[in-house]
C-alpha atoms as a PDB file:
ATOM      1  CA  MET A   1      -0.011  -0.043   0.229  1.00  0.00           C
ATOM      2  CA  ASN A   2       2.786   2.493   0.742  1.00  0.00           C
ATOM      3  CA  ASN A   3       4.241   2.187  -2.912  1.00  0.00           C
ATOM      4  CA  TYR A   4       0.749   3.085  -4.035  1.00  0.00           C
ATOM      5  CA  ASN A   5       0.679   6.064  -1.809  1.00  0.00           C
ATOM      6  CA  SER A   6       4.191   7.080  -3.060  1.00  0.00           C
ATOM      7  CA  LEU A   7       3.123   6.543  -6.672  1.00  0.00           C
ATOM      8  CA  THR A   8      -0.022   8.511  -6.495  1.00  0.00           C
ATOM      9  CA  ASN A   9       1.859  11.444  -4.621  1.00  0.00           C
ATOM     10  CA  LEU A  10       4.512  11.337  -7.534  1.00  0.00           C
ATOM     11  CA  ILE A  11       1.832  11.244 -10.233  1.00  0.00           C
ATOM     12  CA  LYS A  12       0.059  14.196  -8.594  1.00  0.00           C
ATOM     13  CA  THR A  13       3.259  16.128  -8.277  1.00  0.00           C
ATOM     14  CA  LEU A  14       4.108  15.631 -12.029  1.00  0.00           C
ATOM     15  CA  GLN A  15       0.876  16.735 -13.235  1.00  0.00           C
ATOM     16  CA  ASP A  16       1.654  20.542 -12.865  1.00  0.00           C
ATOM     17  CA  PRO A  17       3.280  22.189 -16.005  1.00  0.00           C
ATOM     18  CA  ILE A  18       5.498  24.360 -14.017  1.00  0.00           C
ATOM     19  CA  ARG A  19       6.871  21.366 -11.983  1.00  0.00           C
ATOM     20  CA  LEU A  20       7.565  19.535 -15.298  1.00  0.00           C
ATOM     21  CA  LYS A  21       9.436  22.583 -16.526  1.00  0.00           C
ATOM     22  CA  ILE A  22      11.397  22.859 -13.493  1.00  0.00           C
ATOM     23  CA  ILE A  23      12.563  19.099 -14.042  1.00  0.00           C
ATOM     24  CA  GLU A  24      13.530  19.989 -17.635  1.00  0.00           C
ATOM     25  CA  ILE A  25      15.528  22.920 -16.372  1.00  0.00           C
ATOM     26  CA  LEU A  26      17.216  20.876 -13.769  1.00  0.00           C
ATOM     27  CA  GLU A  27      18.100  18.098 -16.192  1.00  0.00           C
ATOM     28  CA  SER A  28      19.434  19.974 -19.129  1.00  0.00           C
ATOM     29  CA  GLN A  29      19.729  23.668 -18.967  1.00  0.00           C
ATOM     30  CA  PHE A  30      23.136  24.226 -17.203  1.00  0.00           C
ATOM     31  CA  GLU A  31      24.222  26.799 -19.657  1.00  0.00           C
ATOM     32  CA  ARG A  32      21.411  29.119 -18.584  1.00  0.00           C
ATOM     33  CA  ARG A  33      22.589  29.353 -14.875  1.00  0.00           C
ATOM     34  CA  GLU A  34      24.173  32.698 -13.575  1.00  0.00           C
ATOM     35  CA  TYR A  35      24.823  31.503 -10.007  1.00  0.00           C
ATOM     36  CA  LEU A  36      27.204  28.657 -10.240  1.00  0.00           C
ATOM     37  CA  PRO A  37      27.797  26.231  -7.459  1.00  0.00           C
ATOM     38  CA  VAL A  38      31.368  25.649  -6.228  1.00  0.00           C
ATOM     39  CA  THR A  39      31.046  22.330  -4.386  1.00  0.00           C
ATOM     40  CA  ARG A  40      30.770  18.916  -6.027  1.00  0.00           C
ATOM     41  CA  GLU A  41      27.469  18.156  -4.337  1.00  0.00           C
ATOM     42  CA  GLY A  42      25.842  21.187  -5.897  1.00  0.00           C
ATOM     43  CA  SER A  43      27.593  21.151  -9.270  1.00  0.00           C
ATOM     44  CA  ASN A  44      24.465  20.151 -11.282  1.00  0.00           C
ATOM     45  CA  GLY A  45      22.265  22.267  -9.156  1.00  0.00           C
ATOM     46  CA  PHE A  46      20.168  25.549  -9.892  1.00  0.00           C
ATOM     47  CA  CYS A  47      19.856  28.477  -7.457  1.00  0.00           C
ATOM     48  CA  PRO A  48      16.229  29.361  -7.228  1.00  0.00           C
ATOM     49  CA  MET A  49      16.808  32.755  -8.661  1.00  0.00           C
ATOM     50  CA  ASP A  50      18.117  31.078 -11.833  1.00  0.00           C
ATOM     51  CA  ILE A  51      15.191  28.642 -11.972  1.00  0.00           C
ATOM     52  CA  LEU A  52      12.786  31.668 -11.690  1.00  0.00           C
ATOM     53  CA  LYS A  53      14.549  33.661 -14.306  1.00  0.00           C
ATOM     54  CA  ILE A  54      14.448  30.757 -16.826  1.00  0.00           C
ATOM     55  CA  LEU A  55      10.748  30.070 -16.084  1.00  0.00           C
ATOM     56  CA  LYS A  56       9.970  33.853 -16.756  1.00  0.00           C
ATOM     57  CA  GLU A  57      11.975  33.763 -19.832  1.00  0.00           C
ATOM     58  CA  ASP A  58      10.199  30.639 -21.149  1.00  0.00           C
ATOM     59  CA  GLY A  59       6.727  32.432 -20.640  1.00  0.00           C
ATOM     60  CA  PHE A  60       5.699  31.097 -17.254  1.00  0.00           C
ATOM     61  CA  THR A  61       4.061  33.615 -14.932  1.00  0.00           C
ATOM     62  CA  ILE A  62       5.275  32.724 -11.391  1.00  0.00           C
ATOM     63  CA  THR A  63       6.289  34.489  -8.236  1.00  0.00           C
ATOM     64  CA  ASN A  64       9.063  33.721  -5.667  1.00  0.00           C
ATOM     65  CA  THR A  65       6.426  32.356  -3.332  1.00  0.00           C
ATOM     66  CA  LYS A  66       4.894  30.075  -5.920  1.00  0.00           C
ATOM     67  CA  LEU A  67       8.368  28.797  -7.079  1.00  0.00           C
ATOM     68  CA  SER A  68       9.104  27.958  -3.309  1.00  0.00           C
ATOM     69  CA  TYR A  69       5.890  26.031  -3.166  1.00  0.00           C
ATOM     70  CA  HIS A  70       6.687  23.956  -6.316  1.00  0.00           C
ATOM     71  CA  LEU A  71      10.185  23.318  -5.229  1.00  0.00           C
ATOM     72  CA  LYS A  72       8.865  22.085  -1.800  1.00  0.00           C
ATOM     73  CA  GLU A  73       6.468  19.657  -3.467  1.00  0.00           C
ATOM     74  CA  LEU A  74       9.235  18.330  -5.663  1.00  0.00           C
ATOM     75  CA  LYS A  75      11.538  18.096  -2.750  1.00  0.00           C
ATOM     76  CA  GLU A  76       8.927  16.135  -0.506  1.00  0.00           C
ATOM     77  CA  ASN A  77       8.336  13.736  -3.276  1.00  0.00           C
ATOM     78  CA  ASN A  78      12.132  13.009  -3.677  1.00  0.00           C
ATOM     79  CA  ILE A  79      12.370  14.573  -7.225  1.00  0.00           C
ATOM     80  CA  VAL A  80      14.960  17.041  -6.251  1.00  0.00           C
ATOM     81  CA  SER A  81      17.438  17.421  -3.468  1.00  0.00           C
ATOM     82  CA  LEU A  82      19.120  20.416  -1.826  1.00  0.00           C
ATOM     83  CA  ALA A  83      22.695  21.298  -1.829  1.00  0.00           C
ATOM     84  CA  ARG A  84      23.717  24.063   0.506  1.00  0.00           C
ATOM     85  CA  GLU A  85      26.773  26.339  -0.158  1.00  0.00           C
ATOM     86  CA  GLY A  86      27.158  29.028   2.470  1.00  0.00           C
ATOM     87  CA  LYS A  87      24.039  31.143   2.381  1.00  0.00           C
ATOM     88  CA  ARG A  88      22.737  29.823  -1.075  1.00  0.00           C
ATOM     89  CA  TYR A  89      20.966  26.705  -1.928  1.00  0.00           C
ATOM     90  CA  PHE A  90      20.983  24.732  -5.048  1.00  0.00           C
ATOM     91  CA  TYR A  91      18.275  22.385  -6.197  1.00  0.00           C
ATOM     92  CA  VAL A  92      19.579  19.148  -8.016  1.00  0.00           C
ATOM     93  CA  LEU A  93      17.537  16.761  -9.888  1.00  0.00           C
ATOM     94  CA  ASN A  94      17.235  13.426  -8.023  1.00  0.00           C
ATOM     95  CA  LYS A  95      16.619  10.844 -10.719  1.00  0.00           C
ATOM     96  CA  GLU A  96      16.116   7.996  -8.067  1.00  0.00           C
ATOM     97  CA  GLY A  97      12.828   9.809  -7.225  1.00  0.00           C
ATOM     98  CA  PHE A  98      11.380   8.388 -10.377  1.00  0.00           C
ATOM     99  CA  GLN A  99      12.103   4.880  -9.428  1.00  0.00           C
ATOM    100  CA  VAL A 100       8.750   4.247  -7.869  1.00  0.00           C
ATOM    101  CA  LEU A 101       7.126   5.308 -11.163  1.00  0.00           C
ATOM    102  CA  LEU A 102       9.395   3.208 -13.280  1.00  0.00           C
ATOM    103  CA  SER A 103       9.125   0.212 -11.035  1.00  0.00           C
ATOM    104  CA  TRP A 104       5.401   0.320 -11.434  1.00  0.00           C
ATOM    105  CA  LEU A 105       5.414   0.867 -15.162  1.00  0.00           C
ATOM    106  CA  ASN A 106       7.693  -2.279 -15.456  1.00  0.00           C
ATOM    107  CA  SER A 107       5.398  -4.195 -13.261  1.00  0.00           C
ATOM    108  CA  ILE A 108       2.521  -3.688 -15.663  1.00  0.00           C
ATOM    109  CA  HIS A 109       4.864  -4.386 -18.587  1.00  0.00           C
ATOM    110  CA  VAL A 110       5.020  -0.897 -20.194  1.00  0.00           C
ATOM    111  CA  TYR A 111       8.020  -0.941 -22.157  1.00  0.00           C
ATOM    112  CA  LEU A 112       9.716   2.308 -22.769  1.00  0.00           C
END
């Protein structure tokens, strides 16, 4: 039953277009960052200000408060993790967070 709860929470989290765009940003848009992390842990991370800037450049209407909410939802569902560098935080995509979805798709024989 716990896997079903995790799976449904993940699916609910992924149904928001802004969250899907954040995942795309964290996966592949490193060249658009302004604030670069210096530690290895944060090397693939994005500062929230960079995420906000990219979202706005790509036509999304979003405030700092709304971005914080979306990042919190992604973090609570293990889709992103947080790397801290001094006073700055960097959000990093956690690909293992998708494992519950991939396992379920494999169990029903959906081949990707």
